Amino acid sequence: MPESQHQHLQTLNYDQVGKLVELLETCVEIHGYGNLPTLQIPLKELLRKVSHNLKDGNINLHNIRLNGGTASYILKQQQHQNCYKKNYQQQGLTTGHHRVGVKPNYNDIDLVFNVDMSNDSQAQVILTTILKTIIEYLPDTMAQQGFQYYMLKKAYLIKLVKVFNGTNRWSLISFRNHYGRNVEFKFVDTIERQFQFSVDSFQILLDSILSLYDYKLTLIDSHYLSHNFYPTVIAECLYGDFHLASQHLDQKIIATKKPEEIRGGGLLKYCSLLLQGYKPESELQMGIMARYMCSRFFIDFTRLEQQEERLVSYLDCHFHHDYPVKYKYLLILKSVIKRNTVCLMDLERRQTLRLINKLIYQYNPRKHEFYAIAHQHQQHHHYPSFHYRPHDVVNHYLPSSSYYSYPQYHYQQHRQHHYY
């Protein structure tokens, strides 16, 4: 295909295919709630099983794509030797029966299933299909007990979202993982926008490589790959110009288009990129866009409790228990909001900054260091008067109204998200 006509498409090279193969061979962990067992499933097997079950349920599946930060990780140019033998250590995920304790270069594994989903009943069929797939991986003794679907939904799924309005028909299913490395399936019929910034606008089409797994599971293996023999895999850039977006990814440049179209404005992701050392492509242009980001964020999350819920959820999903990183992130967020928020009244702006200050105090690493030292000191000297409880340090909920109250403001929601 001529490069000039398809600037948004690119074929993966040998190293990139090797990283993709090792990701597909990685065992993902789906943790059960309470005493239910943890499911360890190779990602390639989970995708194949879900694909076949969807077709058996008369769901028209067009393609499966790797999306978001995981796709960016695959495409990013890195200096590494013998990537096929070392990428497992770089991932820090379960490989076979061994776990390597290195933090991966991405958080969630996001998969997009492009399907025909014209009505609500088809979305319910998709959810039922996912739950049937989970049952297939339960131990035989448990599968025979006849688990109800609502029990499995609460036990193994952590997030369920369904959006059906004029131009959006999609649903999101996220599997539970205690380490914050959730596997998320997004089933898309139509959607306004699937990316926030150029560096997370990549999608890798997996159908060609999954079809080879269907033909022979051992055919796609890192030991069989070479520079002269590896599968042809296509990647797409939703930002538009693949070469330009790749430059942004390799050079850590922040660029976006029309942030006012993004739910939440892309504000939280923007601050995360700043934390990772990314720099704006143009300070002046990004300053203007940051105002749009802040305005859209406060349109979508008008009330203070909504802002706290969204912010705490983002921190937990992306930084898990890394309190020093959460602390640095909140300092950046406070600075961005303080400089670029022009849509709020002075009282509302002070309330939001006060909320961020409260979270900054909660995640202050010096505070946690003090409690840890005090706890060790208590254990050493056996002081009965001091009791350290870790869950007292970080409280993810608003204090009671008698202790700390905010005036309540009610606005009409910009969009409605319906839940299962």
Foldseek 3Di string as FASTA:
>chain_A
DDCVVALFKDKDAQQLLLLVLQQQQFWDWFAWPDPAHIFTHRNLVLVVQLVVLCVVLVWAWDFKKWFFPVNLVSLADDDDPPCNVCVQLQPQGHRPPDGHNHHHPAFEGEMETEIDDPDDVSVVSSLVSSLVSVLVRGPPVVSVVPDDSVNSCVTWWDDWWAADDDFFGKIKTWTDDLVLHIYMYIYGHGDDDDDQWQSRQKMKTCVQVSVVCVVPVPPDGSVNDDSVDDTIIMMGGPQRRPVVSNCCSHVQETGGPDLLVDQLSCLLVVLVSVLVVHYYPDPVVVLVSLLSNQVNNCQQQVWPQSVLVVLVVVCCNGVNPPLVSSLVSLVSSLVSCVRRHDPDDPLSSVSNSVVSVVSNQLSVVVVVVVLVVVVVVCVVVVDPVDDDDVCVSHDSHDDDCVVDNDDTDDDDHPGDMDGD
